[in-house]
Amino acid sequence: MNVTAGYSLRDDGGIDVTNRGFLPQESRWKEAQGKAYFVNAPDEGYLKVSFFGPFYGSYVIFELDHKDYQYAFVSGPDTSYLWLLARTPHVAQSLIDRFIDRAGEAGFDTASLIFPSQE
C-alpha cells in the first residue's frame, strides 16, 4: 500500500495534516484530514494531533535528521504507535536498521513493524 503524509502550516500556528493510503483491494485512495498543535514550544518535537474532532493524540518525534530533514522517527505517548517518516518513498536499509534498533531500545515490539510498499 502506498502511504503518504502531508503537512502545511495553519494560520493559527498549528499544522494541517493529510494522510493518504492506497487500498489495492478496493482500487481506491483513502484520505484523512487532521490538525496538529505544538504542546509546548514550536522547536520541540511534541505535538497533539486530531483526526476526530475534539480528541487529540500525542505525536512525539524521538529522532530527526537535523542536517537535511529527510526522516523522522515518531511515536505516540506509549508503545502503541510508531512511524518512520521519510521524504522519499524508499530509504536506505541502514536507516531502517537504525529505526528498528532505536524503537527496540524504547520498548517497541519491533517484530510487529509493518513497512508498506511504496511502489
PDB file of N, CA and C in Angstrom:
ATOM      1  N   MET A   1       0.844  -1.169   0.000  1.00  0.00           N
ATOM      2  CA  MET A   1       0.000   0.000   0.000  1.00  0.00           C
ATOM      3  C   MET A   1       0.890   1.233   0.000  1.00  0.00           C
ATOM      4  N   ASN A   2       0.674   2.146  -0.886  1.00  0.00           N
ATOM      5  CA  ASN A   2       1.374   3.421  -0.902  1.00  0.00           C
ATOM      6  C   ASN A   2       0.790   4.309   0.179  1.00  0.00           C
ATOM      7  N   VAL A   3       1.660   4.925   0.983  1.00  0.00           N
ATOM      8  CA  VAL A   3       1.226   5.744   2.104  1.00  0.00           C
ATOM      9  C   VAL A   3       1.986   7.058   2.073  1.00  0.00           C
ATOM     10  N   THR A   4       1.259   8.175   2.242  1.00  0.00           N
ATOM     11  CA  THR A   4       1.899   9.482   2.301  1.00  0.00           C
ATOM     12  C   THR A   4       1.296  10.291   3.443  1.00  0.00           C
ATOM     13  N   ALA A   5       2.063  11.260   3.921  1.00  0.00           N
ATOM     14  CA  ALA A   5       1.592  12.222   4.912  1.00  0.00           C
ATOM     15  C   ALA A   5       2.059  13.588   4.446  1.00  0.00           C
ATOM     16  N   GLY A   6       1.145  14.533   4.404  1.00  0.00           N
ATOM     17  CA  GLY A   6       1.484  15.894   4.005  1.00  0.00           C
ATOM     18  C   GLY A   6       1.210  16.852   5.148  1.00  0.00           C
ATOM     19  N   TYR A   7       2.065  17.849   5.268  1.00  0.00           N
ATOM     20  CA  TYR A   7       1.953  18.803   6.362  1.00  0.00           C
ATOM     21  C   TYR A   7       2.055  20.217   5.803  1.00  0.00           C
ATOM     22  N   SER A   8       1.232  21.126   6.331  1.00  0.00           N
ATOM     23  CA  SER A   8       1.331  22.535   5.964  1.00  0.00           C
ATOM     24  C   SER A   8       0.935  23.389   7.162  1.00  0.00           C
ATOM     25  N   LEU A   9       1.524  24.576   7.232  1.00  0.00           N
ATOM     26  CA  LEU A   9       1.262  25.466   8.366  1.00  0.00           C
ATOM     27  C   LEU A   9      -0.148  26.042   8.295  1.00  0.00           C
ATOM     28  N   ARG A  10      -0.753  26.160   9.439  1.00  0.00           N
ATOM     29  CA  ARG A  10      -2.073  26.777   9.577  1.00  0.00           C
ATOM     30  C   ARG A  10      -1.907  28.234  10.005  1.00  0.00           C
ATOM     31  N   ASP A  11      -2.900  29.058   9.728  1.00  0.00           N
ATOM     32  CA  ASP A  11      -2.858  30.464  10.134  1.00  0.00           C
ATOM     33  C   ASP A  11      -2.853  30.628  11.655  1.00  0.00           C
ATOM     34  N   ASP A  12      -3.398  29.635  12.379  1.00  0.00           N
ATOM     35  CA  ASP A  12      -3.474  29.738  13.836  1.00  0.00           C
ATOM     36  C   ASP A  12      -2.232  29.185  14.542  1.00  0.00           C
ATOM     37  N   GLY A  13      -1.155  28.895  13.778  1.00  0.00           N
ATOM     38  CA  GLY A  13       0.077  28.402  14.367  1.00  0.00           C
ATOM     39  C   GLY A  13       0.186  26.896  14.417  1.00  0.00           C
ATOM     40  N   GLY A  14      -0.884  26.219  14.046  1.00  0.00           N
ATOM     41  CA  GLY A  14      -0.871  24.762  14.012  1.00  0.00           C
ATOM     42  C   GLY A  14      -0.411  24.228  12.670  1.00  0.00           C
ATOM     43  N   ILE A  15      -0.669  22.959  12.458  1.00  0.00           N
ATOM     44  CA  ILE A  15      -0.256  22.284  11.232  1.00  0.00           C
ATOM     45  C   ILE A  15      -1.421  21.472  10.699  1.00  0.00           C
ATOM     46  N   ASP A  16      -1.720  21.627   9.412  1.00  0.00           N
ATOM     47  CA  ASP A  16      -2.684  20.756   8.750  1.00  0.00           C
ATOM     48  C   ASP A  16      -1.978  19.458   8.379  1.00  0.00           C
ATOM     49  N   VAL A  17      -2.660  18.340   8.590  1.00  0.00           N
ATOM     50  CA  VAL A  17      -2.096  17.022   8.315  1.00  0.00           C
ATOM     51  C   VAL A  17      -3.021  16.295   7.348  1.00  0.00           C
ATOM     52  N   THR A  18      -2.445  15.741   6.279  1.00  0.00           N
ATOM     53  CA  THR A  18      -3.209  14.934   5.331  1.00  0.00           C
ATOM     54  C   THR A  18      -2.501  13.599   5.172  1.00  0.00           C
ATOM     55  N   ASN A  19      -3.155  12.541   5.622  1.00  0.00           N
ATOM     56  CA  ASN A  19      -2.628  11.183   5.459  1.00  0.00           C
ATOM     57  C   ASN A  19      -3.388  10.497   4.341  1.00  0.00           C
ATOM     58  N   ARG A  20      -2.653   9.829   3.435  1.00  0.00           N
ATOM     59  CA  ARG A  20      -3.278   9.123   2.321  1.00  0.00           C
ATOM     60  C   ARG A  20      -2.675   7.739   2.193  1.00  0.00           C
ATOM     61  N   GLY A  21      -3.516   6.811   1.799  1.00  0.00           N
ATOM     62  CA  GLY A  21      -3.047   5.456   1.545  1.00  0.00           C
ATOM     63  C   GLY A  21      -3.875   4.829   0.449  1.00  0.00           C
ATOM     64  N   PHE A  22      -3.234   4.046  -0.409  1.00  0.00           N
ATOM     65  CA  PHE A  22      -3.946   3.378  -1.493  1.00  0.00           C
ATOM     66  C   PHE A  22      -4.375   1.996  -1.026  1.00  0.00           C
ATOM     67  N   LEU A  23      -5.645   1.696  -1.203  1.00  0.00           N
ATOM     68  CA  LEU A  23      -6.200   0.397  -0.832  1.00  0.00           C
ATOM     69  C   LEU A  23      -6.318  -0.457  -2.087  1.00  0.00           C
ATOM     70  N   PRO A  24      -5.343  -1.325  -2.347  1.00  0.00           N
ATOM     71  CA  PRO A  24      -5.343  -2.081  -3.606  1.00  0.00           C
ATOM     72  C   PRO A  24      -6.551  -3.011  -3.745  1.00  0.00           C
ATOM     73  N   GLN A  25      -7.031  -3.574  -2.629  1.00  0.00           N
ATOM     74  CA  GLN A  25      -8.178  -4.480  -2.712  1.00  0.00           C
ATOM     75  C   GLN A  25      -9.451  -3.762  -3.136  1.00  0.00           C
ATOM     76  N   GLU A  26      -9.484  -2.439  -2.918  1.00  0.00           N
ATOM     77  CA  GLU A  26     -10.637  -1.624  -3.324  1.00  0.00           C
ATOM     78  C   GLU A  26     -10.308  -0.710  -4.497  1.00  0.00           C
ATOM     79  N   SER A  27      -9.061  -0.713  -4.946  1.00  0.00           N
ATOM     80  CA  SER A  27      -8.585   0.141  -6.045  1.00  0.00           C
ATOM     81  C   SER A  27      -8.943   1.604  -5.827  1.00  0.00           C
ATOM     82  N   ARG A  28      -8.698   2.079  -4.600  1.00  0.00           N
ATOM     83  CA  ARG A  28      -9.011   3.482  -4.316  1.00  0.00           C
ATOM     84  C   ARG A  28      -8.072   4.028  -3.248  1.00  0.00           C
ATOM     85  N   TRP A  29      -7.993   5.371  -3.212  1.00  0.00           N
ATOM     86  CA  TRP A  29      -7.230   6.076  -2.194  1.00  0.00           C
ATOM     87  C   TRP A  29      -8.129   6.373  -1.009  1.00  0.00           C
ATOM     88  N   LYS A  30      -7.579   6.300   0.178  1.00  0.00           N
ATOM     89  CA  LYS A  30      -8.280   6.699   1.392  1.00  0.00           C
ATOM     90  C   LYS A  30      -7.499   7.864   1.990  1.00  0.00           C
ATOM     91  N   GLU A  31      -8.211   8.887   2.435  1.00  0.00           N
ATOM     92  CA  GLU A  31      -7.557  10.086   2.939  1.00  0.00           C
ATOM     93  C   GLU A  31      -8.157  10.496   4.269  1.00  0.00           C
ATOM     94  N   ALA A  32      -7.304  10.974   5.166  1.00  0.00           N
ATOM     95  CA  ALA A  32      -7.737  11.502   6.458  1.00  0.00           C
ATOM     96  C   ALA A  32      -7.124  12.882   6.646  1.00  0.00           C
ATOM     97  N   GLN A  33      -7.965  13.845   7.005  1.00  0.00           N
ATOM     98  CA  GLN A  33      -7.527  15.210   7.265  1.00  0.00           C
ATOM     99  C   GLN A  33      -7.478  15.429   8.768  1.00  0.00           C
ATOM    100  N   GLY A  34      -6.413  16.043   9.239  1.00  0.00           N
ATOM    101  CA  GLY A  34      -6.294  16.322  10.660  1.00  0.00           C
ATOM    102  C   GLY A  34      -5.603  17.644  10.898  1.00  0.00           C
ATOM    103  N   LYS A  35      -5.416  17.935  12.164  1.00  0.00           N
ATOM    104  CA  LYS A  35      -4.704  19.153  12.545  1.00  0.00           C
ATOM    105  C   LYS A  35      -3.836  18.832  13.749  1.00  0.00           C
ATOM    106  N   ALA A  36      -2.734  19.557  13.856  1.00  0.00           N
ATOM    107  CA  ALA A  36      -1.785  19.333  14.941  1.00  0.00           C
ATOM    108  C   ALA A  36      -1.378  20.675  15.542  1.00  0.00           C
ATOM    109  N   TYR A  37      -1.067  20.619  16.833  1.00  0.00           N
ATOM    110  CA  TYR A  37      -0.605  21.812  17.538  1.00  0.00           C
ATOM    111  C   TYR A  37       0.567  21.427  18.431  1.00  0.00           C
ATOM    112  N   PHE A  38       1.511  22.326  18.571  1.00  0.00           N
ATOM    113  CA  PHE A  38       2.649  22.095  19.456  1.00  0.00           C
ATOM    114  C   PHE A  38       2.152  22.115  20.900  1.00  0.00           C
ATOM    115  N   VAL A  39       2.580  21.148  21.682  1.00  0.00           N
ATOM    116  CA  VAL A  39       2.161  21.064  23.072  1.00  0.00           C
ATOM    117  C   VAL A  39       2.888  22.107  23.911  1.00  0.00           C
ATOM    118  N   ASN A  40       4.192  22.236  23.708  1.00  0.00           N
ATOM    119  CA  ASN A  40       4.971  23.200  24.484  1.00  0.00           C
ATOM    120  C   ASN A  40       5.455  24.334  23.593  1.00  0.00           C
ATOM    121  N   ALA A  41       6.520  24.117  22.838  1.00  0.00           N
ATOM    122  CA  ALA A  41       7.103  25.162  22.006  1.00  0.00           C
ATOM    123  C   ALA A  41       7.284  24.639  20.581  1.00  0.00           C
ATOM    124  N   PRO A  42       7.246  25.514  19.574  1.00  0.00           N
ATOM    125  CA  PRO A  42       7.381  25.088  18.177  1.00  0.00           C
ATOM    126  C   PRO A  42       8.724  24.455  17.828  1.00  0.00           C
ATOM    127  N   ASP A  43       9.717  24.601  18.690  1.00  0.00           N
ATOM    128  CA  ASP A  43      11.010  23.977  18.407  1.00  0.00           C
ATOM    129  C   ASP A  43      11.185  22.658  19.167  1.00  0.00           C
ATOM    130  N   GLU A  44      10.106  22.161  19.765  1.00  0.00           N
ATOM    131  CA  GLU A  44      10.122  20.877  20.461  1.00  0.00           C
ATOM    132  C   GLU A  44       9.244  19.893  19.694  1.00  0.00           C
ATOM    133  N   GLY A  45       9.766  18.717  19.403  1.00  0.00           N
ATOM    134  CA  GLY A  45       9.048  17.721  18.614  1.00  0.00           C
ATOM    135  C   GLY A  45       7.988  16.975  19.403  1.00  0.00           C
ATOM    136  N   TYR A  46       7.069  17.713  19.977  1.00  0.00           N
ATOM    137  CA  TYR A  46       5.987  17.118  20.752  1.00  0.00           C
ATOM    138  C   TYR A  46       4.703  17.852  20.386  1.00  0.00           C
ATOM    139  N   LEU A  47       3.830  17.148  19.669  1.00  0.00           N
ATOM    140  CA  LEU A  47       2.599  17.749  19.193  1.00  0.00           C
ATOM    141  C   LEU A  47       1.390  16.938  19.646  1.00  0.00           C
ATOM    142  N   LYS A  48       0.231  17.568  19.592  1.00  0.00           N
ATOM    143  CA  LYS A  48      -1.021  16.856  19.749  1.00  0.00           C
ATOM    144  C   LYS A  48      -1.713  16.906  18.392  1.00  0.00           C
ATOM    145  N   VAL A  49      -2.236  15.754  17.959  1.00  0.00           N
ATOM    146  CA  VAL A  49      -2.812  15.623  16.621  1.00  0.00           C
ATOM    147  C   VAL A  49      -4.236  15.108  16.734  1.00  0.00           C
ATOM    148  N   SER A  50      -5.124  15.666  15.925  1.00  0.00           N
ATOM    149  CA  SER A  50      -6.514  15.221  15.928  1.00  0.00           C
ATOM    150  C   SER A  50      -6.996  14.947  14.515  1.00  0.00           C
ATOM    151  N   PHE A  51      -7.603  13.786  14.342  1.00  0.00           N
ATOM    152  CA  PHE A  51      -8.304  13.450  13.101  1.00  0.00           C
ATOM    153  C   PHE A  51      -9.795  13.294  13.368  1.00  0.00           C
ATOM    154  N   PHE A  52     -10.172  13.338  14.638  1.00  0.00           N
ATOM    155  CA  PHE A  52     -11.558  13.047  15.032  1.00  0.00           C
ATOM    156  C   PHE A  52     -12.069  14.088  16.016  1.00  0.00           C
ATOM    157  N   GLY A  53     -12.356  15.277  15.519  1.00  0.00           N
ATOM    158  CA  GLY A  53     -12.968  16.302  16.351  1.00  0.00           C
ATOM    159  C   GLY A  53     -12.126  16.715  17.537  1.00  0.00           C
ATOM    160  N   PRO A  54     -12.711  16.691  18.730  1.00  0.00           N
ATOM    161  CA  PRO A  54     -12.007  17.219  19.902  1.00  0.00           C
ATOM    162  C   PRO A  54     -11.008  16.244  20.527  1.00  0.00           C
ATOM    163  N   PHE A  55     -10.827  15.064  19.943  1.00  0.00           N
ATOM    164  CA  PHE A  55      -9.942  14.064  20.513  1.00  0.00           C
ATOM    165  C   PHE A  55      -8.545  14.181  19.927  1.00  0.00           C
ATOM    166  N   TYR A  56      -7.546  14.337  20.781  1.00  0.00           N
ATOM    167  CA  TYR A  56      -6.168  14.515  20.340  1.00  0.00           C
ATOM    168  C   TYR A  56      -5.299  13.365  20.824  1.00  0.00           C
ATOM    169  N   GLY A  57      -4.302  13.020  20.009  1.00  0.00           N
ATOM    170  CA  GLY A  57      -3.311  12.024  20.391  1.00  0.00           C
ATOM    171  C   GLY A  57      -1.928  12.641  20.332  1.00  0.00           C
ATOM    172  N   SER A  58      -1.019  12.078  21.078  1.00  0.00           N
ATOM    173  CA  SER A  58       0.358  12.583  21.106  1.00  0.00           C
ATOM    174  C   SER A  58       1.134  12.157  19.869  1.00  0.00           C
ATOM    175  N   TYR A  59       2.063  12.985  19.472  1.00  0.00           N
ATOM    176  CA  TYR A  59       2.928  12.775  18.328  1.00  0.00           C
ATOM    177  C   TYR A  59       4.307  13.223  18.792  1.00  0.00           C
ATOM    178  N   VAL A  60       5.170  12.257  19.132  1.00  0.00           N
ATOM    179  CA  VAL A  60       6.456  12.554  19.743  1.00  0.00           C
ATOM    180  C   VAL A  60       7.587  12.207  18.773  1.00  0.00           C
ATOM    181  N   ILE A  61       8.340  13.204  18.356  1.00  0.00           N
ATOM    182  CA  ILE A  61       9.481  12.977  17.472  1.00  0.00           C
ATOM    183  C   ILE A  61      10.671  12.617  18.351  1.00  0.00           C
ATOM    184  N   PHE A  62      11.140  11.356  18.247  1.00  0.00           N
ATOM    185  CA  PHE A  62      12.247  10.949  19.106  1.00  0.00           C
ATOM    186  C   PHE A  62      13.567  10.833  18.360  1.00  0.00           C
ATOM    187  N   GLU A  63      13.561  11.011  17.048  1.00  0.00           N
ATOM    188  CA  GLU A  63      14.800  11.205  16.295  1.00  0.00           C
ATOM    189  C   GLU A  63      14.454  11.953  15.022  1.00  0.00           C
ATOM    190  N   LEU A  64      15.310  12.885  14.657  1.00  0.00           N
ATOM    191  CA  LEU A  64      15.079  13.723  13.485  1.00  0.00           C
ATOM    192  C   LEU A  64      16.398  13.946  12.770  1.00  0.00           C
ATOM    193  N   ASP A  65      16.362  13.891  11.453  1.00  0.00           N
ATOM    194  CA  ASP A  65      17.529  14.221  10.637  1.00  0.00           C
ATOM    195  C   ASP A  65      17.667  15.745  10.638  1.00  0.00           C
ATOM    196  N   HIS A  66      18.470  16.262  11.562  1.00  0.00           N
ATOM    197  CA  HIS A  66      18.635  17.712  11.687  1.00  0.00           C
ATOM    198  C   HIS A  66      19.433  18.313  10.548  1.00  0.00           C
ATOM    199  N   LYS A  67      20.203  17.511   9.838  1.00  0.00           N
ATOM    200  CA  LYS A  67      21.033  18.034   8.755  1.00  0.00           C
ATOM    201  C   LYS A  67      20.204  18.344   7.509  1.00  0.00           C
ATOM    202  N   ASP A  68      19.471  17.350   7.012  1.00  0.00           N
ATOM    203  CA  ASP A  68      18.739  17.515   5.751  1.00  0.00           C
ATOM    204  C   ASP A  68      17.224  17.349   5.887  1.00  0.00           C
ATOM    205  N   TYR A  69      16.753  17.032   7.078  1.00  0.00           N
ATOM    206  CA  TYR A  69      15.322  16.821   7.332  1.00  0.00           C
ATOM    207  C   TYR A  69      14.712  15.806   6.369  1.00  0.00           C
ATOM    208  N   GLN A  70      15.403  14.683   6.205  1.00  0.00           N
ATOM    209  CA  GLN A  70      14.934  13.634   5.301  1.00  0.00           C
ATOM    210  C   GLN A  70      14.118  12.559   6.005  1.00  0.00           C
ATOM    211  N   TYR A  71      14.197  12.472   7.334  1.00  0.00           N
ATOM    212  CA  TYR A  71      13.432  11.456   8.054  1.00  0.00           C
ATOM    213  C   TYR A  71      13.147  11.897   9.489  1.00  0.00           C
ATOM    214  N   ALA A  72      12.153  11.243  10.074  1.00  0.00           N
ATOM    215  CA  ALA A  72      11.839  11.424  11.492  1.00  0.00           C
ATOM    216  C   ALA A  72      11.333  10.098  12.036  1.00  0.00           C
ATOM    217  N   PHE A  73      11.702   9.800  13.275  1.00  0.00           N
ATOM    218  CA  PHE A  73      11.159   8.658  13.995  1.00  0.00           C
ATOM    219  C   PHE A  73      10.128   9.235  14.958  1.00  0.00           C
ATOM    220  N   VAL A  74       8.901   8.735  14.879  1.00  0.00           N
ATOM    221  CA  VAL A  74       7.789   9.322  15.616  1.00  0.00           C
ATOM    222  C   VAL A  74       7.027   8.236  16.350  1.00  0.00           C
ATOM    223  N   SER A  75       6.566   8.572  17.554  1.00  0.00           N
ATOM    224  CA  SER A  75       5.746   7.638  18.318  1.00  0.00           C
ATOM    225  C   SER A  75       4.541   8.367  18.900  1.00  0.00           C
ATOM    226  N   GLY A  76       3.654   7.580  19.468  1.00  0.00           N
ATOM    227  CA  GLY A  76       2.572   8.123  20.265  1.00  0.00           C
ATOM    228  C   GLY A  76       3.061   8.289  21.692  1.00  0.00           C
ATOM    229  N   PRO A  77       2.144   8.396  22.653  1.00  0.00           N
ATOM    230  CA  PRO A  77       2.539   8.621  24.050  1.00  0.00           C
ATOM    231  C   PRO A  77       3.102   7.371  24.729  1.00  0.00           C
ATOM    232  N   ASP A  78       2.909   6.223  24.102  1.00  0.00           N
ATOM    233  CA  ASP A  78       3.402   4.965  24.661  1.00  0.00           C
ATOM    234  C   ASP A  78       3.901   4.104  23.502  1.00  0.00           C
ATOM    235  N   THR A  79       3.957   2.803  23.668  1.00  0.00           N
ATOM    236  CA  THR A  79       4.498   1.933  22.616  1.00  0.00           C
ATOM    237  C   THR A  79       3.416   1.370  21.699  1.00  0.00           C
ATOM    238  N   SER A  80       2.258   2.022  21.651  1.00  0.00           N
ATOM    239  CA  SER A  80       1.173   1.559  20.784  1.00  0.00           C
ATOM    240  C   SER A  80       1.307   2.050  19.344  1.00  0.00           C
ATOM    241  N   TYR A  81       1.972   3.186  19.137  1.00  0.00           N
ATOM    242  CA  TYR A  81       2.068   3.791  17.814  1.00  0.00           C
ATOM    243  C   TYR A  81       3.507   4.154  17.504  1.00  0.00           C
ATOM    244  N   LEU A  82       3.910   3.889  16.251  1.00  0.00           N
ATOM    245  CA  LEU A  82       5.282   4.142  15.846  1.00  0.00           C
ATOM    246  C   LEU A  82       5.332   4.339  14.339  1.00  0.00           C
ATOM    247  N   TRP A  83       6.087   5.353  13.891  1.00  0.00           N
ATOM    248  CA  TRP A  83       6.215   5.625  12.461  1.00  0.00           C
ATOM    249  C   TRP A  83       7.639   6.006  12.117  1.00  0.00           C
ATOM    250  N   LEU A  84       8.058   5.604  10.944  1.00  0.00           N
ATOM    251  CA  LEU A  84       9.271   6.113  10.307  1.00  0.00           C
ATOM    252  C   LEU A  84       8.760   6.970   9.159  1.00  0.00           C
ATOM    253  N   LEU A  85       8.942   8.269   9.257  1.00  0.00           N
ATOM    254  CA  LEU A  85       8.507   9.189   8.209  1.00  0.00           C
ATOM    255  C   LEU A  85       9.724   9.613   7.403  1.00  0.00           C
ATOM    256  N   ALA A  86       9.601   9.583   6.083  1.00  0.00           N
ATOM    257  CA  ALA A  86      10.703   9.959   5.205  1.00  0.00           C
ATOM    258  C   ALA A  86      10.185  10.797   4.050  1.00  0.00           C
ATOM    259  N   ARG A  87      11.036  11.628   3.509  1.00  0.00           N
ATOM    260  CA  ARG A  87      10.653  12.472   2.370  1.00  0.00           C
ATOM    261  C   ARG A  87      10.646  11.714   1.055  1.00  0.00           C
ATOM    262  N   THR A  88      11.249  10.556   1.036  1.00  0.00           N
ATOM    263  CA  THR A  88      11.316   9.765  -0.192  1.00  0.00           C
ATOM    264  C   THR A  88      10.590   8.441   0.018  1.00  0.00           C
ATOM    265  N   PRO A  89      10.075   7.836  -1.060  1.00  0.00           N
ATOM    266  CA  PRO A  89       9.354   6.567  -0.917  1.00  0.00           C
ATOM    267  C   PRO A  89      10.250   5.408  -0.479  1.00  0.00           C
ATOM    268  N   HIS A  90      11.520   5.493  -0.769  1.00  0.00           N
ATOM    269  CA  HIS A  90      12.452   4.428  -0.414  1.00  0.00           C
ATOM    270  C   HIS A  90      13.566   5.014   0.445  1.00  0.00           C
ATOM    271  N   VAL A  91      13.937   4.283   1.493  1.00  0.00           N
ATOM    272  CA  VAL A  91      15.028   4.717   2.373  1.00  0.00           C
ATOM    273  C   VAL A  91      16.078   3.615   2.435  1.00  0.00           C
ATOM    274  N   ALA A  92      17.269   3.991   2.789  1.00  0.00           N
ATOM    275  CA  ALA A  92      18.369   3.032   2.885  1.00  0.00           C
ATOM    276  C   ALA A  92      18.087   2.003   3.978  1.00  0.00           C
ATOM    277  N   GLN A  93      18.540   0.788   3.746  1.00  0.00           N
ATOM    278  CA  GLN A  93      18.374  -0.262   4.744  1.00  0.00           C
ATOM    279  C   GLN A  93      19.043   0.121   6.058  1.00  0.00           C
ATOM    280  N   SER A  94      20.132   0.873   5.984  1.00  0.00           N
ATOM    281  CA  SER A  94      20.815   1.302   7.208  1.00  0.00           C
ATOM    282  C   SER A  94      19.913   2.189   8.077  1.00  0.00           C
ATOM    283  N   LEU A  95      19.061   3.016   7.441  1.00  0.00           N
ATOM    284  CA  LEU A  95      18.125   3.844   8.197  1.00  0.00           C
ATOM    285  C   LEU A  95      17.038   2.971   8.824  1.00  0.00           C
ATOM    286  N   ILE A  96      16.538   2.013   8.077  1.00  0.00           N
ATOM    287  CA  ILE A  96      15.538   1.090   8.623  1.00  0.00           C
ATOM    288  C   ILE A  96      16.130   0.336   9.815  1.00  0.00           C
ATOM    289  N   ASP A  97      17.353  -0.129   9.683  1.00  0.00           N
ATOM    290  CA  ASP A  97      18.013  -0.844  10.781  1.00  0.00           C
ATOM    291  C   ASP A  97      18.151   0.058  12.003  1.00  0.00           C
ATOM    292  N   ARG A  98      18.524   1.312  11.790  1.00  0.00           N
ATOM    293  CA  ARG A  98      18.649   2.266  12.902  1.00  0.00           C
ATOM    294  C   ARG A  98      17.302   2.482  13.569  1.00  0.00           C
ATOM    295  N   PHE A  99      16.265   2.636  12.760  1.00  0.00           N
ATOM    296  CA  PHE A  99      14.903   2.820  13.269  1.00  0.00           C
ATOM    297  C   PHE A  99      14.498   1.621  14.135  1.00  0.00           C
ATOM    298  N   ILE A 100      14.732   0.425  13.649  1.00  0.00           N
ATOM    299  CA  ILE A 100      14.380  -0.789  14.399  1.00  0.00           C
ATOM    300  C   ILE A 100      15.160  -0.850  15.710  1.00  0.00           C
ATOM    301  N   ASP A 101      16.447  -0.534  15.660  1.00  0.00           N
ATOM    302  CA  ASP A 101      17.265  -0.547  16.879  1.00  0.00           C
ATOM    303  C   ASP A 101      16.762   0.470  17.894  1.00  0.00           C
ATOM    304  N   ARG A 102      16.533   1.704  17.446  1.00  0.00           N
ATOM    305  CA  ARG A 102      16.063   2.764  18.364  1.00  0.00           C
ATOM    306  C   ARG A 102      14.689   2.428  18.930  1.00  0.00           C
ATOM    307  N   ALA A 103      13.813   1.886  18.079  1.00  0.00           N
ATOM    308  CA  ALA A 103      12.471   1.513  18.547  1.00  0.00           C
ATOM    309  C   ALA A 103      12.553   0.392  19.580  1.00  0.00           C
ATOM    310  N   GLY A 104      13.407  -0.581  19.333  1.00  0.00           N
ATOM    311  CA  GLY A 104      13.593  -1.668  20.293  1.00  0.00           C
ATOM    312  C   GLY A 104      14.110  -1.163  21.622  1.00  0.00           C
ATOM    313  N   GLU A 105      15.074  -0.245  21.578  1.00  0.00           N
ATOM    314  CA  GLU A 105      15.613   0.350  22.800  1.00  0.00           C
ATOM    315  C   GLU A 105      14.530   1.093  23.583  1.00  0.00           C
ATOM    316  N   ALA A 106      13.558   1.642  22.867  1.00  0.00           N
ATOM    317  CA  ALA A 106      12.474   2.400  23.506  1.00  0.00           C
ATOM    318  C   ALA A 106      11.328   1.499  23.971  1.00  0.00           C
ATOM    319  N   GLY A 107      11.445   0.199  23.739  1.00  0.00           N
ATOM    320  CA  GLY A 107      10.438  -0.729  24.240  1.00  0.00           C
ATOM    321  C   GLY A 107       9.362  -1.146  23.258  1.00  0.00           C
ATOM    322  N   PHE A 108       9.510  -0.777  21.991  1.00  0.00           N
ATOM    323  CA  PHE A 108       8.526  -1.168  20.985  1.00  0.00           C
ATOM    324  C   PHE A 108       8.720  -2.621  20.573  1.00  0.00           C
ATOM    325  N   ASP A 109       7.631  -3.277  20.189  1.00  0.00           N
ATOM    326  CA  ASP A 109       7.671  -4.642  19.664  1.00  0.00           C
ATOM    327  C   ASP A 109       8.071  -4.554  18.198  1.00  0.00           C
ATOM    328  N   THR A 110       9.353  -4.631  17.916  1.00  0.00           N
ATOM    329  CA  THR A 110       9.833  -4.437  16.549  1.00  0.00           C
ATOM    330  C   THR A 110       9.500  -5.604  15.633  1.00  0.00           C
ATOM    331  N   ALA A 111       9.142  -6.752  16.186  1.00  0.00           N
ATOM    332  CA  ALA A 111       8.742  -7.889  15.353  1.00  0.00           C
ATOM    333  C   ALA A 111       7.400  -7.633  14.676  1.00  0.00           C
ATOM    334  N   SER A 112       6.637  -6.680  15.189  1.00  0.00           N
ATOM    335  CA  SER A 112       5.314  -6.378  14.627  1.00  0.00           C
ATOM    336  C   SER A 112       5.326  -5.204  13.659  1.00  0.00           C
ATOM    337  N   LEU A 113       6.498  -4.647  13.359  1.00  0.00           N
ATOM    338  CA  LEU A 113       6.562  -3.492  12.470  1.00  0.00           C
ATOM    339  C   LEU A 113       6.115  -3.861  11.059  1.00  0.00           C
ATOM    340  N   ILE A 114       5.443  -2.924  10.405  1.00  0.00           N
ATOM    341  CA  ILE A 114       4.977  -3.083   9.028  1.00  0.00           C
ATOM    342  C   ILE A 114       5.645  -2.001   8.190  1.00  0.00           C
ATOM    343  N   PHE A 115       6.254  -2.393   7.092  1.00  0.00           N
ATOM    344  CA  PHE A 115       6.865  -1.434   6.175  1.00  0.00           C
ATOM    345  C   PHE A 115       6.087  -1.502   4.861  1.00  0.00           C
ATOM    346  N   PRO A 116       5.148  -0.550   4.635  1.00  0.00           N
ATOM    347  CA  PRO A 116       4.308  -0.585   3.433  1.00  0.00           C
ATOM    348  C   PRO A 116       5.127  -0.466   2.164  1.00  0.00           C
ATOM    349  N   SER A 117       4.658  -1.112   1.128  1.00  0.00           N
ATOM    350  CA  SER A 117       5.277  -0.995  -0.192  1.00  0.00           C
ATOM    351  C   SER A 117       5.004   0.416  -0.702  1.00  0.00           C
ATOM    352  N   GLN A 118       5.996   1.034  -1.262  1.00  0.00           N
ATOM    353  CA  GLN A 118       5.859   2.394  -1.780  1.00  0.00           C
ATOM    354  C   GLN A 118       6.112   2.417  -3.275  1.00  0.00           C
ATOM    355  N   GLU A 119       5.501   1.516  -3.978  1.00  0.00           N
ATOM    356  CA  GLU A 119       5.675   1.418  -5.442  1.00  0.00           C
ATOM    357  C   GLU A 119       4.776   2.383  -6.158  1.00  0.00           C
TER     358      GLU A 119
END
